Amino acid sequence: MKRAMILTVLAAVMSQGHASDYTWPYLVLTDKNGVETTLPVDDLELTFSNGQLVSANGSRTQTFSLSDLASMHFSKTGDPSAISSMAAAAEGPTEVYTLSGIRVGTFADLKSVRENLKAGVYVTRRNGQTTKLSIP
């Protein structure tokens, strides 16, 4: 059901012409952990295979589990914090910062981050990877 809904919405929007012609040049995918991934729609190709959403944009390919996706929407702006979003492993020490760059602290893992911080959007660093984290 979820896959059919996603396909219908994407087909309807994409059939209207090139998304960047309508000033919606980005597709934002949000997973159940609040991690956002922003994809430019120019030359974006989306396919579904074995419960996965596969996005291809030029030479870059990313795979997302449909069961892990919470939402998706088109956006007029790219990643507002200029940080490339990527799936973050839930285990291991995680440094957390506010969007203005103030260090909040270091937590044992993402679960601890979610349990100890109030609702908001944060920047996390783990093993040299920087991601955005939204806590509802």
N, C-alpha and C. Protein backbone atom coordinates (compact mmCIF):
# COMPACT_ATOMS: atom_id res chain seq x y z
N MET A 1 0.82 -1.19 0.00
CA MET A 1 0.00 0.00 0.00
C MET A 1 0.87 1.26 0.00
N LYS A 2 1.89 1.29 0.87
CA LYS A 2 2.77 2.45 0.97
C LYS A 2 3.49 2.65 -0.36
N ARG A 3 3.95 1.55 -0.97
CA ARG A 3 4.66 1.63 -2.24
C ARG A 3 3.75 2.19 -3.32
N ALA A 4 2.50 1.74 -3.36
CA ALA A 4 1.56 2.21 -4.37
C ALA A 4 1.30 3.71 -4.20
N MET A 5 1.19 4.17 -2.96
CA MET A 5 0.95 5.58 -2.70
C MET A 5 2.15 6.42 -3.16
N ILE A 6 3.35 5.97 -2.84
CA ILE A 6 4.56 6.69 -3.24
C ILE A 6 4.65 6.75 -4.75
N LEU A 7 4.41 5.63 -5.42
CA LEU A 7 4.47 5.60 -6.88
C LEU A 7 3.45 6.54 -7.50
N THR A 8 2.24 6.58 -6.95
CA THR A 8 1.19 7.44 -7.48
C THR A 8 1.56 8.91 -7.36
N VAL A 9 2.04 9.31 -6.19
CA VAL A 9 2.43 10.70 -5.97
C VAL A 9 3.59 11.09 -6.88
N LEU A 10 4.60 10.25 -6.95
CA LEU A 10 5.75 10.57 -7.79
C LEU A 10 5.36 10.62 -9.26
N ALA A 11 4.54 9.69 -9.70
CA ALA A 11 4.11 9.68 -11.10
C ALA A 11 3.33 10.93 -11.44
N ALA A 12 2.44 11.35 -10.54
CA ALA A 12 1.64 12.55 -10.78
C ALA A 12 2.51 13.79 -10.88
N VAL A 13 3.46 13.92 -9.98
CA VAL A 13 4.33 15.10 -9.98
C VAL A 13 5.27 15.08 -11.17
N MET A 14 5.88 13.94 -11.43
CA MET A 14 6.85 13.85 -12.52
C MET A 14 6.18 13.99 -13.88
N SER A 15 4.92 13.59 -14.01
CA SER A 15 4.24 13.67 -15.29
C SER A 15 3.91 15.12 -15.66
N GLN A 16 4.00 16.01 -14.70
CA GLN A 16 3.71 17.41 -14.96
C GLN A 16 4.86 18.12 -15.67
N GLY A 17 5.94 17.45 -15.87
CA GLY A 17 7.09 18.05 -16.52
C GLY A 17 8.30 17.91 -15.63
N HIS A 18 9.35 18.56 -15.99
CA HIS A 18 10.59 18.52 -15.23
C HIS A 18 10.39 19.26 -13.92
N ALA A 19 10.70 18.64 -12.80
CA ALA A 19 10.43 19.22 -11.48
C ALA A 19 11.11 20.56 -11.29
N SER A 20 12.32 20.74 -11.83
CA SER A 20 13.01 22.01 -11.65
C SER A 20 12.33 23.13 -12.43
N ASP A 21 11.52 22.79 -13.47
CA ASP A 21 10.76 23.79 -14.19
C ASP A 21 9.70 24.42 -13.29
N TYR A 22 9.32 23.74 -12.25
CA TYR A 22 8.30 24.21 -11.33
C TYR A 22 8.89 24.68 -10.01
N THR A 23 10.16 24.99 -9.98
CA THR A 23 10.90 25.46 -8.82
C THR A 23 10.81 24.52 -7.62
N TRP A 24 10.76 23.24 -7.86
CA TRP A 24 10.83 22.22 -6.81
C TRP A 24 12.01 21.31 -7.16
N PRO A 25 13.23 21.82 -7.07
CA PRO A 25 14.37 21.06 -7.57
C PRO A 25 14.92 19.98 -6.64
N TYR A 26 14.31 19.77 -5.47
CA TYR A 26 14.83 18.77 -4.54
C TYR A 26 13.72 17.85 -4.04
N LEU A 27 14.07 16.59 -3.84
CA LEU A 27 13.20 15.62 -3.20
C LEU A 27 13.83 15.29 -1.85
N VAL A 28 13.07 15.45 -0.77
CA VAL A 28 13.58 15.21 0.57
C VAL A 28 12.92 13.95 1.13
N LEU A 29 13.73 12.96 1.48
CA LEU A 29 13.26 11.72 2.09
C LEU A 29 13.60 11.76 3.57
N THR A 30 12.65 11.42 4.43
CA THR A 30 12.88 11.39 5.86
C THR A 30 12.63 9.98 6.37
N ASP A 31 13.62 9.42 7.08
CA ASP A 31 13.41 8.07 7.61
C ASP A 31 12.77 8.13 9.00
N LYS A 32 12.46 6.98 9.55
CA LYS A 32 11.77 6.90 10.84
C LYS A 32 12.60 7.47 11.99
N ASN A 33 13.92 7.60 11.80
CA ASN A 33 14.79 8.17 12.83
C ASN A 33 14.91 9.68 12.69
N GLY A 34 14.24 10.26 11.70
CA GLY A 34 14.30 11.70 11.49
C GLY A 34 15.46 12.16 10.63
N VAL A 35 16.23 11.23 10.08
CA VAL A 35 17.36 11.60 9.23
C VAL A 35 16.81 11.94 7.85
N GLU A 36 17.16 13.14 7.36
CA GLU A 36 16.71 13.60 6.06
C GLU A 36 17.79 13.42 5.02
N THR A 37 17.38 13.02 3.83
CA THR A 37 18.29 12.93 2.70
C THR A 37 17.70 13.78 1.59
N THR A 38 18.45 14.74 1.09
CA THR A 38 18.00 15.63 0.04
C THR A 38 18.61 15.22 -1.28
N LEU A 39 17.75 14.99 -2.27
CA LEU A 39 18.20 14.56 -3.59
C LEU A 39 17.84 15.61 -4.63
N PRO A 40 18.79 16.07 -5.45
CA PRO A 40 18.43 16.97 -6.55
C PRO A 40 17.61 16.19 -7.58
N VAL A 41 16.56 16.79 -8.13
CA VAL A 41 15.68 16.06 -9.04
C VAL A 41 16.18 16.05 -10.48
N ASP A 42 17.15 16.90 -10.81
CA ASP A 42 17.69 16.87 -12.17
C ASP A 42 18.25 15.49 -12.47
N ASP A 43 17.74 14.87 -13.51
CA ASP A 43 18.17 13.53 -13.94
C ASP A 43 17.94 12.46 -12.88
N LEU A 44 17.05 12.70 -11.93
CA LEU A 44 16.76 11.73 -10.88
C LEU A 44 15.90 10.61 -11.44
N GLU A 45 16.31 9.40 -11.16
CA GLU A 45 15.57 8.22 -11.59
C GLU A 45 15.27 7.38 -10.36
N LEU A 46 13.99 7.10 -10.10
CA LEU A 46 13.59 6.31 -8.95
C LEU A 46 13.01 4.99 -9.41
N THR A 47 13.48 3.91 -8.79
CA THR A 47 12.94 2.58 -9.08
C THR A 47 12.69 1.87 -7.75
N PHE A 48 11.88 0.84 -7.81
CA PHE A 48 11.56 0.04 -6.63
C PHE A 48 11.95 -1.40 -6.90
N SER A 49 12.62 -2.01 -5.91
CA SER A 49 13.04 -3.39 -6.06
C SER A 49 13.19 -4.03 -4.68
N ASN A 50 12.52 -5.14 -4.47
CA ASN A 50 12.64 -5.91 -3.22
C ASN A 50 12.45 -5.05 -1.98
N GLY A 51 11.41 -4.22 -1.95
CA GLY A 51 11.14 -3.39 -0.78
C GLY A 51 12.09 -2.22 -0.61
N GLN A 52 12.83 -1.87 -1.66
CA GLN A 52 13.80 -0.78 -1.60
C GLN A 52 13.45 0.28 -2.63
N LEU A 53 13.67 1.54 -2.27
CA LEU A 53 13.60 2.65 -3.20
C LEU A 53 15.03 2.92 -3.64
N VAL A 54 15.29 2.84 -4.94
CA VAL A 54 16.63 3.07 -5.47
C VAL A 54 16.62 4.37 -6.25
N SER A 55 17.46 5.32 -5.84
CA SER A 55 17.55 6.60 -6.55
C SER A 55 18.88 6.66 -7.28
N ALA A 56 18.81 7.07 -8.53
CA ALA A 56 20.01 7.23 -9.34
C ALA A 56 19.99 8.65 -9.91
N ASN A 57 21.11 9.34 -9.74
CA ASN A 57 21.24 10.71 -10.21
C ASN A 57 22.64 10.84 -10.77
N GLY A 58 22.76 10.65 -12.07
CA GLY A 58 24.08 10.64 -12.67
C GLY A 58 24.83 9.39 -12.23
N SER A 59 26.01 9.55 -11.66
CA SER A 59 26.80 8.41 -11.21
C SER A 59 26.53 8.03 -9.76
N ARG A 60 25.68 8.79 -9.08
CA ARG A 60 25.40 8.55 -7.66
C ARG A 60 24.12 7.72 -7.51
N THR A 61 24.22 6.62 -6.77
CA THR A 61 23.07 5.77 -6.51
C THR A 61 22.92 5.58 -5.01
N GLN A 62 21.68 5.71 -4.51
CA GLN A 62 21.39 5.50 -3.10
C GLN A 62 20.19 4.58 -2.98
N THR A 63 20.18 3.75 -1.94
CA THR A 63 19.10 2.81 -1.70
C THR A 63 18.47 3.09 -0.34
N PHE A 64 17.15 3.09 -0.29
CA PHE A 64 16.40 3.34 0.94
C PHE A 64 15.39 2.22 1.14
N SER A 65 15.31 1.69 2.33
CA SER A 65 14.31 0.69 2.65
C SER A 65 12.95 1.37 2.76
N LEU A 66 11.96 0.86 2.03
CA LEU A 66 10.62 1.45 2.09
C LEU A 66 10.03 1.39 3.49
N SER A 67 10.35 0.33 4.22
CA SER A 67 9.80 0.19 5.57
C SER A 67 10.41 1.20 6.54
N ASP A 68 11.57 1.79 6.20
CA ASP A 68 12.21 2.77 7.07
C ASP A 68 11.84 4.21 6.73
N LEU A 69 11.19 4.43 5.57
CA LEU A 69 10.84 5.78 5.17
C LEU A 69 9.60 6.25 5.91
N ALA A 70 9.69 7.47 6.47
CA ALA A 70 8.55 8.05 7.18
C ALA A 70 7.79 9.02 6.28
N SER A 71 8.53 9.79 5.48
CA SER A 71 7.88 10.76 4.60
C SER A 71 8.82 11.18 3.49
N MET A 72 8.23 11.84 2.50
CA MET A 72 8.99 12.43 1.41
C MET A 72 8.22 13.63 0.89
N HIS A 73 8.96 14.65 0.46
CA HIS A 73 8.33 15.84 -0.09
C HIS A 73 9.30 16.55 -1.02
N PHE A 74 8.75 17.37 -1.90
CA PHE A 74 9.58 18.18 -2.77
C PHE A 74 9.86 19.50 -2.07
N SER A 75 11.03 20.07 -2.35
CA SER A 75 11.44 21.29 -1.67
C SER A 75 12.02 22.28 -2.68
N LYS A 76 11.84 23.55 -2.39
CA LYS A 76 12.41 24.60 -3.24
C LYS A 76 13.88 24.83 -2.94
N THR A 77 14.30 24.46 -1.73
CA THR A 77 15.70 24.68 -1.35
C THR A 77 16.35 23.34 -1.06
N GLY A 78 17.65 23.32 -1.22
CA GLY A 78 18.41 22.11 -0.91
C GLY A 78 18.57 21.96 0.58
N ASP A 79 19.53 21.22 0.99
CA ASP A 79 19.80 20.95 2.38
C ASP A 79 20.08 22.27 3.09
N PRO A 80 19.16 22.77 3.96
CA PRO A 80 19.33 24.10 4.55
C PRO A 80 20.55 24.25 5.43
N SER A 81 21.06 23.17 5.97
CA SER A 81 22.24 23.31 6.82
C SER A 81 23.53 23.05 6.05
N ALA A 82 23.39 22.78 4.75
CA ALA A 82 24.53 22.50 3.87
C ALA A 82 25.32 21.29 4.33
N ILE A 83 24.66 20.38 4.99
CA ILE A 83 25.30 19.15 5.43
C ILE A 83 24.70 18.02 4.62
N SER A 84 25.53 17.20 4.05
CA SER A 84 25.03 16.07 3.30
C SER A 84 24.46 15.05 4.25
N SER A 85 23.18 14.72 4.08
CA SER A 85 22.57 13.75 4.97
C SER A 85 22.86 12.34 4.49
N MET A 86 23.09 11.46 5.41
CA MET A 86 23.31 10.05 5.09
C MET A 86 22.81 9.25 6.28
N ALA A 87 22.49 8.01 6.04
CA ALA A 87 22.00 7.17 7.12
C ALA A 87 23.09 7.01 8.16
N ALA A 88 22.74 7.21 9.41
CA ALA A 88 23.71 7.12 10.49
C ALA A 88 23.51 5.80 11.23
N ALA A 89 24.60 5.17 11.58
CA ALA A 89 24.50 3.96 12.38
C ALA A 89 24.02 4.35 13.77
N ALA A 90 23.19 3.53 14.35
CA ALA A 90 22.60 3.85 15.65
C ALA A 90 23.56 3.61 16.81
N GLU A 91 24.59 2.83 16.60
CA GLU A 91 25.52 2.47 17.68
C GLU A 91 26.76 3.35 17.65
N GLY A 92 27.32 3.56 18.81
CA GLY A 92 28.60 4.25 18.93
C GLY A 92 28.46 5.68 19.38
N PRO A 93 29.54 6.25 19.94
CA PRO A 93 29.52 7.63 20.44
C PRO A 93 29.09 8.61 19.37
N THR A 94 28.18 9.51 19.73
CA THR A 94 27.64 10.48 18.79
C THR A 94 27.74 11.87 19.39
N GLU A 95 28.44 12.76 18.69
CA GLU A 95 28.53 14.15 19.11
C GLU A 95 27.31 14.88 18.55
N VAL A 96 26.71 15.75 19.34
CA VAL A 96 25.51 16.46 18.92
C VAL A 96 25.72 17.96 19.04
N TYR A 97 25.27 18.70 18.00
CA TYR A 97 25.39 20.14 17.94
C TYR A 97 24.04 20.74 17.55
N THR A 98 23.80 21.98 17.94
CA THR A 98 22.63 22.70 17.46
C THR A 98 22.91 23.12 16.03
N LEU A 99 21.88 23.60 15.32
CA LEU A 99 22.08 24.05 13.95
C LEU A 99 22.97 25.28 13.88
N SER A 100 23.13 26.00 14.99
CA SER A 100 24.02 27.16 15.01
C SER A 100 25.44 26.78 15.41
N GLY A 101 25.69 25.47 15.61
CA GLY A 101 27.05 25.00 15.86
C GLY A 101 27.44 24.87 17.31
N ILE A 102 26.52 25.06 18.23
CA ILE A 102 26.83 24.93 19.65
C ILE A 102 26.80 23.45 20.04
N ARG A 103 27.89 23.01 20.67
CA ARG A 103 28.00 21.60 21.06
C ARG A 103 27.05 21.31 22.22
N VAL A 104 26.18 20.31 22.02
CA VAL A 104 25.23 19.90 23.05
C VAL A 104 25.87 18.86 23.96
N GLY A 105 26.62 17.93 23.37
CA GLY A 105 27.27 16.90 24.16
C GLY A 105 27.59 15.67 23.33
N THR A 106 28.14 14.66 23.98
CA THR A 106 28.43 13.38 23.34
C THR A 106 27.59 12.32 24.03
N PHE A 107 26.93 11.50 23.22
CA PHE A 107 26.02 10.47 23.71
C PHE A 107 26.51 9.11 23.26
N ALA A 108 26.12 8.07 23.99
CA ALA A 108 26.56 6.71 23.68
C ALA A 108 26.10 6.24 22.31
N ASP A 109 24.90 6.64 21.90
CA ASP A 109 24.34 6.23 20.62
C ASP A 109 23.15 7.12 20.28
N LEU A 110 22.55 6.91 19.10
CA LEU A 110 21.43 7.74 18.69
C LEU A 110 20.21 7.56 19.58
N LYS A 111 20.03 6.38 20.12
CA LYS A 111 18.91 6.15 21.03
C LYS A 111 19.01 7.06 22.25
N SER A 112 20.21 7.18 22.79
CA SER A 112 20.44 8.07 23.94
C SER A 112 20.19 9.52 23.58
N VAL A 113 20.57 9.90 22.36
CA VAL A 113 20.34 11.27 21.91
C VAL A 113 18.85 11.55 21.93
N ARG A 114 18.07 10.67 21.32
CA ARG A 114 16.61 10.87 21.24
C ARG A 114 15.96 10.90 22.62
N GLU A 115 16.46 10.09 23.54
CA GLU A 115 15.87 10.01 24.88
C GLU A 115 16.20 11.22 25.74
N ASN A 116 17.34 11.89 25.47
CA ASN A 116 17.80 12.95 26.35
C ASN A 116 17.63 14.38 25.84
N LEU A 117 17.31 14.54 24.57
CA LEU A 117 17.19 15.90 24.03
C LEU A 117 15.74 16.24 23.74
N LYS A 118 15.43 17.53 23.84
CA LYS A 118 14.07 17.98 23.55
C LYS A 118 13.87 18.02 22.03
N ALA A 119 12.62 18.19 21.63
CA ALA A 119 12.27 18.22 20.21
C ALA A 119 13.05 19.31 19.49
N GLY A 120 13.48 19.01 18.27
CA GLY A 120 14.21 19.97 17.47
C GLY A 120 15.04 19.29 16.41
N VAL A 121 15.82 20.06 15.69
CA VAL A 121 16.71 19.55 14.66
C VAL A 121 18.14 19.76 15.13
N TYR A 122 18.94 18.72 15.01
CA TYR A 122 20.32 18.74 15.49
C TYR A 122 21.26 18.24 14.39
N VAL A 123 22.53 18.55 14.56
CA VAL A 123 23.58 18.03 13.70
C VAL A 123 24.34 16.99 14.52
N THR A 124 24.55 15.81 13.95
CA THR A 124 25.28 14.76 14.67
C THR A 124 26.55 14.39 13.91
N ARG A 125 27.57 13.99 14.66
CA ARG A 125 28.82 13.50 14.07
C ARG A 125 29.18 12.18 14.70
N ARG A 126 29.47 11.21 13.85
CA ARG A 126 29.89 9.89 14.30
C ARG A 126 30.81 9.30 13.25
N ASN A 127 31.99 8.87 13.67
CA ASN A 127 32.96 8.27 12.74
C ASN A 127 33.21 9.14 11.51
N GLY A 128 33.30 10.45 11.71
CA GLY A 128 33.60 11.36 10.60
C GLY A 128 32.42 11.64 9.68
N GLN A 129 31.24 11.11 9.99
CA GLN A 129 30.06 11.37 9.17
C GLN A 129 29.16 12.38 9.88
N THR A 130 28.69 13.36 9.12
CA THR A 130 27.81 14.40 9.67
C THR A 130 26.42 14.22 9.10
N THR A 131 25.42 14.22 9.98
CA THR A 131 24.02 14.06 9.56
C THR A 131 23.13 15.03 10.31
N LYS A 132 21.93 15.22 9.81
CA LYS A 132 20.91 15.97 10.53
C LYS A 132 20.02 14.98 11.24
N LEU A 133 19.54 15.33 12.40
CA LEU A 133 18.64 14.48 13.16
C LEU A 133 17.48 15.34 13.64
N SER A 134 16.26 14.92 13.31
CA SER A 134 15.06 15.61 13.76
C SER A 134 14.42 14.79 14.87
N ILE A 135 14.19 15.42 16.00
CA ILE A 135 13.53 14.75 17.13
C ILE A 135 12.14 15.39 17.24
N PRO A 136 11.09 14.58 17.00
CA PRO A 136 9.73 15.13 17.04
C PRO A 136 9.28 15.46 18.45
